[in-house]
Protein backbone atom coordinates (compact mmCIF):
# COMPACT_ATOMS: atom_id res chain seq x y z
CA MET A 1 89.72 86.19 104.38
CA ALA A 2 90.00 86.71 101.08
CA LEU A 3 90.85 89.67 98.81
CA ARG A 4 88.89 91.51 97.27
CA VAL A 5 89.79 92.66 93.98
CA LEU A 6 87.49 95.13 91.38
CA LEU A 7 87.53 94.60 87.96
CA ILE A 8 86.67 97.29 85.98
CA ASP A 9 86.40 96.74 82.11
CA ASP A 10 83.56 97.71 79.68
CA GLU A 11 84.52 94.26 77.97
CA THR A 12 81.95 92.17 80.18
CA GLU A 13 82.70 88.94 78.50
CA PHE A 14 86.45 89.63 79.43
CA VAL A 15 85.96 90.69 82.69
CA ASP A 16 83.20 88.35 83.36
CA THR A 17 85.00 85.65 82.70
CA LEU A 18 88.42 86.78 84.81
CA ALA A 19 85.94 87.64 87.42
CA GLU A 20 85.22 83.56 87.25
CA ARG A 21 88.47 83.25 87.21
CA LEU A 22 89.10 84.70 90.00
CA ALA A 23 86.95 83.69 92.21
CA LEU A 24 88.20 79.96 91.41
CA ARG A 25 91.23 81.53 92.92
CA GLY A 26 89.89 81.87 96.06
CA TYR A 27 90.07 85.86 95.48
CA ASP A 28 86.74 87.67 95.86
CA PRO A 29 85.93 89.62 92.67
CA ARG A 30 83.47 92.56 91.87
CA VAL A 31 83.01 93.81 88.64
CA ALA A 32 82.06 97.08 86.72
CA TYR A 33 81.20 98.02 83.86
CA SER A 34 81.97 101.68 83.36
CA GLY A 35 83.49 104.17 84.81
CA GLN A 36 81.66 105.77 86.79
CA SER A 37 79.70 101.93 88.14
CA ALA A 38 83.35 101.89 89.45
CA LEU A 39 83.59 105.04 91.81
CA GLN A 40 80.16 103.87 93.39
CA ALA A 41 81.44 100.17 93.46
CA VAL A 42 84.79 101.61 94.89
CA ARG A 43 82.83 103.49 98.81
CA THR A 44 80.46 100.51 98.56
CA ASP A 45 82.32 97.39 98.33
CA LYS A 46 86.52 99.19 99.36
CA PRO A 47 87.82 96.80 97.43
CA ASP A 48 91.31 95.99 98.44
CA VAL A 49 93.28 96.32 94.36
CA VAL A 50 91.79 97.52 91.40
CA VAL A 51 92.38 96.08 87.88
CA LEU A 52 91.28 99.11 85.53
CA ASP A 53 91.17 98.61 81.51
CA MET A 54 92.11 102.05 80.38
CA LEU A 55 90.51 102.39 77.09
CA MET A 56 86.65 102.60 78.08
CA PRO A 57 83.60 104.70 76.04
CA GLY A 58 81.86 106.99 78.79
CA MET A 59 84.45 108.10 81.00
CA PRO A 60 88.08 106.63 80.21
CA GLY A 61 90.32 104.55 82.43
CA GLU A 62 92.69 108.14 82.84
CA GLU A 63 90.08 109.87 84.41
CA THR A 64 88.50 107.19 86.51
CA LEU A 65 92.28 106.33 87.71
CA ARG A 66 92.43 110.55 88.63
CA ARG A 67 89.22 110.00 90.61
CA LEU A 68 89.77 106.51 91.94
CA LYS A 69 92.96 107.79 93.60
CA ASP A 70 91.34 111.08 95.01
CA ILE A 71 88.67 109.00 97.19
CA PHE A 72 91.72 106.23 98.49
CA PRO A 73 95.29 107.79 96.92
CA ASP A 74 96.30 104.48 98.21
CA LEU A 75 94.38 102.02 96.53
CA PRO A 76 96.79 99.89 94.39
CA VAL A 77 95.50 99.92 90.64
CA ILE A 78 96.59 97.27 87.80
CA VAL A 79 96.17 99.21 84.67
CA LEU A 80 95.23 97.80 81.49
CA SER A 81 95.27 98.51 78.02
CA GLY A 82 94.36 96.31 75.63
CA HIS A 83 95.87 98.70 72.55
CA GLY A 84 99.96 98.25 73.29
CA VAL A 85 102.05 100.15 76.24
CA VAL A 86 100.06 101.46 78.60
CA GLY A 87 102.70 104.41 78.85
CA ASP A 88 102.00 105.07 75.09
CA THR A 89 97.86 105.52 75.62
CA CYS A 90 98.02 106.92 78.97
CA PRO A 91 101.62 108.43 80.53
CA MET A 92 100.35 109.39 83.78
CA ALA A 93 98.59 105.61 84.59
CA VAL A 94 102.65 104.54 84.57
CA GLU A 95 103.15 107.10 87.76
CA GLN A 96 99.73 106.18 89.66
CA ALA A 97 99.06 102.69 88.75
CA PHE A 98 101.14 99.86 90.95
CA ALA A 99 101.58 97.86 87.85
CA CYS A 100 100.08 98.06 84.24
CA MET A 101 99.96 95.33 81.70
CA THR A 102 98.81 94.92 78.43
CA LYS A 103 95.87 92.67 76.97
CA PRO A 104 95.76 90.01 76.11
CA LEU A 105 95.55 89.05 79.80
CA ALA A 106 98.27 86.59 81.41
CA LEU A 107 96.22 85.10 84.50
CA LYS A 108 99.53 84.22 85.88
CA ALA A 109 101.10 87.32 85.78
CA LEU A 110 98.16 88.61 86.96
CA LEU A 111 97.90 86.29 90.44
CA GLU A 112 102.03 88.02 90.78
CA ILE A 113 101.45 90.74 90.63
CA LEU A 114 98.05 91.11 92.79
CA ALA A 115 99.91 88.75 95.72
CA ALA A 116 102.57 91.98 95.21
CA ALA A 117 99.51 94.55 95.84
CA THR A 118 98.66 92.91 99.21
CA THR A 119 102.03 92.07 100.64
CA HIS A 120 102.35 95.93 100.05
CA THR A 121 99.04 97.52 101.11
CA GLY A 122 98.61 95.12 103.78
CA ALA A 123 95.32 94.38 102.17
CA ALA A 124 93.64 92.69 105.46
CA THR A 125 94.99 92.43 108.92
CA ALA A 126 95.24 88.53 110.48
CA ASN A 127 91.92 88.98 112.05
CA GLY A 128 90.08 89.80 108.92
CA GLU A 129 89.57 93.37 109.47
CA ARG A 130 89.92 96.62 106.62
CA LEU A 131 92.34 98.66 107.00
């Protein structure tokens, strides 16, 4: 069963391209363009891993992260920042995130982190049931 990855970013071209690239590599990407839509998607899609941009209009990434963790405390969240080091823009993210990355995103590094998150959480059992 493919790893289900929820990508949350208001930069539609970036997130759509990333979703395509992940799908080509066997992942099952889902996309949310805002924090609010991400909260709905996490309940319905039940992702194995989340990739979350920290700087978004409306509900910012920090609030989205807090709410995601309230719903699913063990859900691995990889936070992204296009504006310097994540810890500088959002210290709380460093404490709650599985990993922190900066844009532009290195796909190879993201794939390694996704693999580590899967190993860390045991995202799917051998028979494909979601944990």
